[in-house]
Amino acid sequence: MSHSATNTPCPLCGREIKKRKPLLLYGHPVCKKCYYGFANRRQAAFIVDSLMFRLLSTVFIVAVAYFLFFAGTAEDTIDRATTILGLALFPVFLAKDGMSGFSPGKALCGVRVVHATSGEPIGLGASLKRNLPLVVPIMPLIIALTMGKGRRIGDGMAKTKVIWNKYAEHPLFSGLAPVVEPFVVPAEAITVANPLPDDDNPYRPPVD
């Protein structure tokens, strides 16, 4: 979809959109401030969630390790136990958006995950599916660079989307705002001007 130069107002904040190729959020042109404001909130929420998970999981694993150590457990057994525990805790991070569409970071930054069609907050299952791509090491970086347009890879898998709480009822986030589609001329509307009579038409197939 291509967009020509426009001075139309941003559907969210009303500011003038001056870009020749406006930034698109869920397929709709928005101003630079709203585009990056929404993306920055999502990125900040992810950073908060990641740091909180690392901190809490580290404290928990260290506490378990000390408990096993003072219980007289062998060192190699403690190493294996803490490694397994660390892997077992990772699904907790993947399920972070399952608390009515909020994670701690999202609640703090004013964004929420909902089902793309119903608009209802997601649960644990959808959160696990949505965040599953994060197990690929390079995927968090790719997601951070592409989430500005709205849906990221996991949203397509789980049929979810992130909304901005401040504009939760706006048609752009509720799914009621129509996306402008390219203009297509119906085939039945195309006619040939001044068609030649059959006898004079050089492209008329020969008749035996």
C-alpha atoms as a PDB file:
ATOM      1  CA  MET A   1       0.000   0.000   0.000  1.00  0.00           C
ATOM      2  CA  SER A   2       1.424   3.392  -0.966  1.00  0.00           C
ATOM      3  CA  HIS A   3       0.515   6.768   0.482  1.00  0.00           C
ATOM      4  CA  SER A   4       0.976  10.175  -1.121  1.00  0.00           C
ATOM      5  CA  ALA A   5       1.907  13.319   0.777  1.00  0.00           C
ATOM      6  CA  THR A   6      -0.724  14.084   3.362  1.00  0.00           C
ATOM      7  CA  ASN A   7      -1.562  16.775   5.873  1.00  0.00           C
ATOM      8  CA  THR A   8      -4.416  14.867   7.481  1.00  0.00           C
ATOM      9  CA  PRO A   9      -4.726  14.769  11.278  1.00  0.00           C
ATOM     10  CA  CYS A  10      -3.465  11.816  13.290  1.00  0.00           C
ATOM     11  CA  PRO A  11      -6.484   9.639  14.202  1.00  0.00           C
ATOM     12  CA  LEU A  12      -5.195   9.291  17.776  1.00  0.00           C
ATOM     13  CA  CYS A  13      -3.961  12.700  18.918  1.00  0.00           C
ATOM     14  CA  GLY A  14      -5.156  14.991  16.102  1.00  0.00           C
ATOM     15  CA  ARG A  15      -1.693  16.283  15.219  1.00  0.00           C
ATOM     16  CA  GLU A  16      -0.993  16.919  11.563  1.00  0.00           C
ATOM     17  CA  ILE A  17       0.659  14.086   9.632  1.00  0.00           C
ATOM     18  CA  LYS A  18       3.223  15.706   7.355  1.00  0.00           C
ATOM     19  CA  LYS A  19       5.234  12.746   6.049  1.00  0.00           C
ATOM     20  CA  ARG A  20       5.029  11.808   2.362  1.00  0.00           C
ATOM     21  CA  LYS A  21       5.055   8.169   3.481  1.00  0.00           C
ATOM     22  CA  PRO A  22       3.315   8.281   6.884  1.00  0.00           C
ATOM     23  CA  LEU A  23       4.138   5.793   9.604  1.00  0.00           C
ATOM     24  CA  LEU A  24       1.532   3.045   9.805  1.00  0.00           C
ATOM     25  CA  LEU A  25       0.134   1.589  13.013  1.00  0.00           C
ATOM     26  CA  TYR A  26      -2.094  -1.435  12.394  1.00  0.00           C
ATOM     27  CA  GLY A  27      -2.350  -0.277   8.785  1.00  0.00           C
ATOM     28  CA  HIS A  28      -3.420   3.285   9.604  1.00  0.00           C
ATOM     29  CA  PRO A  29      -1.335   6.472   9.159  1.00  0.00           C
ATOM     30  CA  VAL A  30      -0.439   8.074  12.497  1.00  0.00           C
ATOM     31  CA  CYS A  31       1.845  10.913  13.523  1.00  0.00           C
ATOM     32  CA  LYS A  32       5.466  10.332  14.459  1.00  0.00           C
ATOM     33  CA  LYS A  33       4.828  11.027  18.144  1.00  0.00           C
ATOM     34  CA  CYS A  34       2.055   8.440  18.466  1.00  0.00           C
ATOM     35  CA  TYR A  35       3.915   5.842  16.387  1.00  0.00           C
ATOM     36  CA  TYR A  36       7.097   5.991  18.443  1.00  0.00           C
ATOM     37  CA  GLY A  37       5.231   6.659  21.685  1.00  0.00           C
ATOM     38  CA  PHE A  38       3.370   3.355  21.348  1.00  0.00           C
ATOM     39  CA  ALA A  39       6.478   1.456  20.219  1.00  0.00           C
ATOM     40  CA  ASN A  40       8.559   2.879  23.072  1.00  0.00           C
ATOM     41  CA  ARG A  41       5.943   1.848  25.623  1.00  0.00           C
ATOM     42  CA  ARG A  42       6.013  -1.711  24.327  1.00  0.00           C
ATOM     43  CA  GLN A  43       9.808  -1.817  24.311  1.00  0.00           C
ATOM     44  CA  ALA A  44       9.991  -0.373  27.823  1.00  0.00           C
ATOM     45  CA  ALA A  45       7.444  -2.938  29.046  1.00  0.00           C
ATOM     46  CA  PHE A  46       9.553  -5.767  27.636  1.00  0.00           C
ATOM     47  CA  ILE A  47      12.697  -4.415  29.309  1.00  0.00           C
ATOM     48  CA  VAL A  48      10.900  -4.107  32.667  1.00  0.00           C
ATOM     49  CA  ASP A  49       9.538  -7.656  32.383  1.00  0.00           C
ATOM     50  CA  SER A  50      12.940  -9.065  31.393  1.00  0.00           C
ATOM     51  CA  LEU A  51      14.805  -7.358  34.233  1.00  0.00           C
ATOM     52  CA  MET A  52      12.161  -8.318  36.785  1.00  0.00           C
ATOM     53  CA  PHE A  53      12.168 -11.946  35.638  1.00  0.00           C
ATOM     54  CA  ARG A  54      15.969 -12.154  35.719  1.00  0.00           C
ATOM     55  CA  LEU A  55      16.118 -10.633  39.182  1.00  0.00           C
ATOM     56  CA  LEU A  56      13.395 -12.781  40.747  1.00  0.00           C
ATOM     57  CA  SER A  57      14.503 -16.007  39.070  1.00  0.00           C
ATOM     58  CA  THR A  58      18.129 -15.417  40.085  1.00  0.00           C
ATOM     59  CA  VAL A  59      17.145 -14.792  43.703  1.00  0.00           C
ATOM     60  CA  PHE A  60      14.983 -17.923  43.699  1.00  0.00           C
ATOM     61  CA  ILE A  61      17.652 -20.148  42.119  1.00  0.00           C
ATOM     62  CA  VAL A  62      20.371 -18.863  44.459  1.00  0.00           C
ATOM     63  CA  ALA A  63      18.096 -19.482  47.447  1.00  0.00           C
ATOM     64  CA  VAL A  64      17.483 -23.065  46.288  1.00  0.00           C
ATOM     65  CA  ALA A  65      21.219 -23.576  45.709  1.00  0.00           C
ATOM     66  CA  TYR A  66      22.047 -22.385  49.232  1.00  0.00           C
ATOM     67  CA  PHE A  67      19.340 -24.611  50.685  1.00  0.00           C
ATOM     68  CA  LEU A  68      20.758 -27.652  48.888  1.00  0.00           C
ATOM     69  CA  PHE A  69      24.312 -26.713  49.878  1.00  0.00           C
ATOM     70  CA  PHE A  70      23.510 -26.474  53.585  1.00  0.00           C
ATOM     71  CA  ALA A  71      21.522 -29.693  53.285  1.00  0.00           C
ATOM     72  CA  GLY A  72      24.752 -31.433  52.288  1.00  0.00           C
ATOM     73  CA  THR A  73      23.922 -31.939  48.601  1.00  0.00           C
ATOM     74  CA  ALA A  74      26.853 -32.672  46.279  1.00  0.00           C
ATOM     75  CA  GLU A  75      28.095 -29.713  44.219  1.00  0.00           C
ATOM     76  CA  ASP A  76      27.496 -31.347  40.822  1.00  0.00           C
ATOM     77  CA  THR A  77      23.954 -32.202  41.903  1.00  0.00           C
ATOM     78  CA  ILE A  78      23.366 -28.581  42.889  1.00  0.00           C
ATOM     79  CA  ASP A  79      24.655 -27.446  39.478  1.00  0.00           C
ATOM     80  CA  ARG A  80      22.300 -29.789  37.643  1.00  0.00           C
ATOM     81  CA  ALA A  81      19.380 -28.825  39.855  1.00  0.00           C
ATOM     82  CA  THR A  82      19.855 -25.084  39.341  1.00  0.00           C
ATOM     83  CA  THR A  83      20.246 -25.537  35.569  1.00  0.00           C
ATOM     84  CA  ILE A  84      17.039 -27.553  35.348  1.00  0.00           C
ATOM     85  CA  LEU A  85      15.271 -25.053  37.580  1.00  0.00           C
ATOM     86  CA  GLY A  86      16.360 -22.161  35.359  1.00  0.00           C
ATOM     87  CA  LEU A  87      14.960 -23.905  32.273  1.00  0.00           C
ATOM     88  CA  ALA A  88      11.758 -24.797  34.099  1.00  0.00           C
ATOM     89  CA  LEU A  89      11.187 -21.169  35.075  1.00  0.00           C
ATOM     90  CA  PHE A  90      11.400 -19.819  31.503  1.00  0.00           C
ATOM     91  CA  PRO A  91       7.781 -20.741  30.636  1.00  0.00           C
ATOM     92  CA  VAL A  92       6.794 -18.432  33.503  1.00  0.00           C
ATOM     93  CA  PHE A  93       8.290 -15.570  31.492  1.00  0.00           C
ATOM     94  CA  LEU A  94       6.450 -16.693  28.355  1.00  0.00           C
ATOM     95  CA  ALA A  95       3.173 -16.623  30.303  1.00  0.00           C
ATOM     96  CA  LYS A  96       3.810 -13.093  31.586  1.00  0.00           C
ATOM     97  CA  ASP A  97       0.986 -11.522  29.515  1.00  0.00           C
ATOM     98  CA  GLY A  98      -1.607 -13.996  30.781  1.00  0.00           C
ATOM     99  CA  MET A  99      -2.828 -11.930  33.735  1.00  0.00           C
ATOM    100  CA  SER A 100      -5.833 -10.393  31.939  1.00  0.00           C
ATOM    101  CA  GLY A 101      -3.544  -9.230  29.144  1.00  0.00           C
ATOM    102  CA  PHE A 102      -1.125  -7.501  31.486  1.00  0.00           C
ATOM    103  CA  SER A 103       2.440  -8.246  32.477  1.00  0.00           C
ATOM    104  CA  PRO A 104       4.076  -6.155  35.209  1.00  0.00           C
ATOM    105  CA  GLY A 105       5.858  -4.124  32.538  1.00  0.00           C
ATOM    106  CA  LYS A 106       2.758  -3.649  30.387  1.00  0.00           C
ATOM    107  CA  ALA A 107       0.692  -2.568  33.381  1.00  0.00           C
ATOM    108  CA  LEU A 108       3.375  -0.036  34.258  1.00  0.00           C
ATOM    109  CA  CYS A 109       3.687   1.286  30.688  1.00  0.00           C
ATOM    110  CA  GLY A 110      -0.028   1.481  29.881  1.00  0.00           C
ATOM    111  CA  VAL A 111      -0.373  -1.235  27.226  1.00  0.00           C
ATOM    112  CA  ARG A 112      -2.288  -4.511  27.148  1.00  0.00           C
ATOM    113  CA  VAL A 113      -2.583  -7.680  25.051  1.00  0.00           C
ATOM    114  CA  VAL A 114      -6.035  -8.647  23.763  1.00  0.00           C
ATOM    115  CA  HIS A 115      -7.506 -11.113  21.295  1.00  0.00           C
ATOM    116  CA  ALA A 116      -7.377  -9.594  17.809  1.00  0.00           C
ATOM    117  CA  THR A 117     -11.013 -10.375  16.977  1.00  0.00           C
ATOM    118  CA  SER A 118     -12.941 -10.225  20.255  1.00  0.00           C
ATOM    119  CA  GLY A 119     -10.855  -7.567  21.993  1.00  0.00           C
ATOM    120  CA  GLU A 120     -10.955  -9.612  25.209  1.00  0.00           C
ATOM    121  CA  PRO A 121      -7.811  -9.792  27.394  1.00  0.00           C
ATOM    122  CA  ILE A 122      -5.729 -12.902  26.752  1.00  0.00           C
ATOM    123  CA  GLY A 123      -5.019 -15.728  29.202  1.00  0.00           C
ATOM    124  CA  LEU A 124      -2.037 -17.947  29.930  1.00  0.00           C
ATOM    125  CA  GLY A 125      -2.400 -20.164  26.844  1.00  0.00           C
ATOM    126  CA  ALA A 126      -2.445 -17.279  24.371  1.00  0.00           C
ATOM    127  CA  SER A 127       0.438 -15.630  26.212  1.00  0.00           C
ATOM    128  CA  LEU A 128       2.574 -18.775  25.918  1.00  0.00           C
ATOM    129  CA  LYS A 129       1.846 -19.049  22.200  1.00  0.00           C
ATOM    130  CA  ARG A 130       2.420 -15.331  21.613  1.00  0.00           C
ATOM    131  CA  ASN A 131       5.792 -15.271  23.357  1.00  0.00           C
ATOM    132  CA  LEU A 132       7.034 -18.629  22.076  1.00  0.00           C
ATOM    133  CA  PRO A 133       9.231 -17.018  19.360  1.00  0.00           C
ATOM    134  CA  LEU A 134      11.290 -15.452  22.169  1.00  0.00           C
ATOM    135  CA  VAL A 135      13.030 -18.805  22.676  1.00  0.00           C
ATOM    136  CA  VAL A 136      14.970 -18.085  19.458  1.00  0.00           C
ATOM    137  CA  PRO A 137      18.047 -16.099  20.604  1.00  0.00           C
ATOM    138  CA  ILE A 138      17.939 -13.358  17.940  1.00  0.00           C
ATOM    139  CA  MET A 139      14.145 -13.003  17.941  1.00  0.00           C
ATOM    140  CA  PRO A 140      13.866 -10.387  20.747  1.00  0.00           C
ATOM    141  CA  LEU A 141      16.019  -8.008  18.681  1.00  0.00           C
ATOM    142  CA  ILE A 142      13.944  -8.597  15.535  1.00  0.00           C
ATOM    143  CA  ILE A 143      10.733  -8.050  17.494  1.00  0.00           C
ATOM    144  CA  ALA A 144      12.054  -4.824  19.025  1.00  0.00           C
ATOM    145  CA  LEU A 145      12.842  -3.445  15.554  1.00  0.00           C
ATOM    146  CA  THR A 146       9.516  -4.409  13.951  1.00  0.00           C
ATOM    147  CA  MET A 147       6.892  -3.991  16.679  1.00  0.00           C
ATOM    148  CA  GLY A 148       6.264  -0.341  15.791  1.00  0.00           C
ATOM    149  CA  LYS A 149       3.763  -1.290  13.083  1.00  0.00           C
ATOM    150  CA  GLY A 150       1.548  -3.067  15.613  1.00  0.00           C
ATOM    151  CA  ARG A 151       1.531  -6.839  15.344  1.00  0.00           C
ATOM    152  CA  ARG A 152       4.690  -8.858  15.778  1.00  0.00           C
ATOM    153  CA  ILE A 153       5.395 -12.472  14.832  1.00  0.00           C
ATOM    154  CA  GLY A 154       3.892 -13.939  17.998  1.00  0.00           C
ATOM    155  CA  ASP A 155       0.709 -11.898  17.573  1.00  0.00           C
ATOM    156  CA  GLY A 156       0.068 -13.584  14.251  1.00  0.00           C
ATOM    157  CA  MET A 157       0.539 -17.019  15.811  1.00  0.00           C
ATOM    158  CA  ALA A 158      -1.740 -16.345  18.780  1.00  0.00           C
ATOM    159  CA  LYS A 159      -4.221 -14.042  16.981  1.00  0.00           C
ATOM    160  CA  THR A 160      -3.526 -11.255  19.463  1.00  0.00           C
ATOM    161  CA  LYS A 161      -2.620  -7.584  19.376  1.00  0.00           C
ATOM    162  CA  VAL A 162      -1.338  -4.959  21.786  1.00  0.00           C
ATOM    163  CA  ILE A 163      -3.479  -1.920  22.547  1.00  0.00           C
ATOM    164  CA  TRP A 164      -2.653   1.412  24.137  1.00  0.00           C
ATOM    165  CA  ASN A 165      -4.831   1.739  27.247  1.00  0.00           C
ATOM    166  CA  LYS A 166      -5.183   5.474  26.732  1.00  0.00           C
ATOM    167  CA  TYR A 167      -6.844   4.867  23.352  1.00  0.00           C
ATOM    168  CA  ALA A 168      -8.344   1.435  24.057  1.00  0.00           C
ATOM    169  CA  GLU A 169     -11.797   2.461  22.783  1.00  0.00           C
ATOM    170  CA  HIS A 170     -10.468   4.152  19.643  1.00  0.00           C
ATOM    171  CA  PRO A 171     -11.465   2.353  16.415  1.00  0.00           C
ATOM    172  CA  LEU A 172      -7.792   1.971  15.481  1.00  0.00           C
ATOM    173  CA  PHE A 173      -7.271  -0.353  18.455  1.00  0.00           C
ATOM    174  CA  SER A 174     -10.788  -1.766  18.730  1.00  0.00           C
ATOM    175  CA  GLY A 175     -10.567  -2.983  15.131  1.00  0.00           C
ATOM    176  CA  LEU A 176     -13.463  -0.874  13.835  1.00  0.00           C
ATOM    177  CA  ALA A 177     -11.394   1.580  11.791  1.00  0.00           C
ATOM    178  CA  PRO A 178     -11.489   0.606   8.106  1.00  0.00           C
ATOM    179  CA  VAL A 179      -8.152   0.199   6.365  1.00  0.00           C
ATOM    180  CA  VAL A 180      -8.020   1.980   3.015  1.00  0.00           C
ATOM    181  CA  GLU A 181      -7.544  -0.584   0.280  1.00  0.00           C
ATOM    182  CA  PRO A 182      -6.040   0.063  -3.180  1.00  0.00           C
ATOM    183  CA  PHE A 183      -8.633   1.111  -5.768  1.00  0.00           C
ATOM    184  CA  VAL A 184      -9.464  -1.690  -8.196  1.00  0.00           C
ATOM    185  CA  VAL A 185     -11.580  -1.189 -11.318  1.00  0.00           C
ATOM    186  CA  PRO A 186     -14.149  -3.993 -11.669  1.00  0.00           C
ATOM    187  CA  ALA A 187     -13.719  -6.009 -14.853  1.00  0.00           C
ATOM    188  CA  GLU A 188     -17.344  -5.471 -15.847  1.00  0.00           C
ATOM    189  CA  ALA A 189     -16.783  -1.701 -15.785  1.00  0.00           C
ATOM    190  CA  ILE A 190     -14.123  -1.870 -18.514  1.00  0.00           C
ATOM    191  CA  THR A 191     -15.547  -1.333 -22.007  1.00  0.00           C
ATOM    192  CA  VAL A 192     -13.950  -0.898 -25.406  1.00  0.00           C
ATOM    193  CA  ALA A 193     -14.629   2.470 -27.023  1.00  0.00           C
ATOM    194  CA  ASN A 194     -16.090   2.391 -30.546  1.00  0.00           C
ATOM    195  CA  PRO A 195     -15.674  -1.337 -31.212  1.00  0.00           C
ATOM    196  CA  LEU A 196     -15.229  -2.255 -34.850  1.00  0.00           C
ATOM    197  CA  PRO A 197     -17.970  -4.188 -36.610  1.00  0.00           C
ATOM    198  CA  ASP A 198     -17.225  -7.873 -36.835  1.00  0.00           C
ATOM    199  CA  ASP A 199     -16.610  -7.662 -40.588  1.00  0.00           C
ATOM    200  CA  ASP A 200     -13.988  -4.914 -40.160  1.00  0.00           C
ATOM    201  CA  ASN A 201     -12.293  -6.335 -37.083  1.00  0.00           C
ATOM    202  CA  PRO A 202      -8.821  -7.630 -38.053  1.00  0.00           C
ATOM    203  CA  TYR A 203      -8.645  -9.632 -34.798  1.00  0.00           C
ATOM    204  CA  ARG A 204     -11.868 -11.493 -35.467  1.00  0.00           C
ATOM    205  CA  PRO A 205     -11.141 -15.239 -35.768  1.00  0.00           C
ATOM    206  CA  PRO A 206     -11.658 -16.630 -39.269  1.00  0.00           C
ATOM    207  CA  VAL A 207     -14.928 -18.356 -39.993  1.00  0.00           C
ATOM    208  CA  ASP A 208     -14.837 -21.515 -42.076  1.00  0.00           C
END
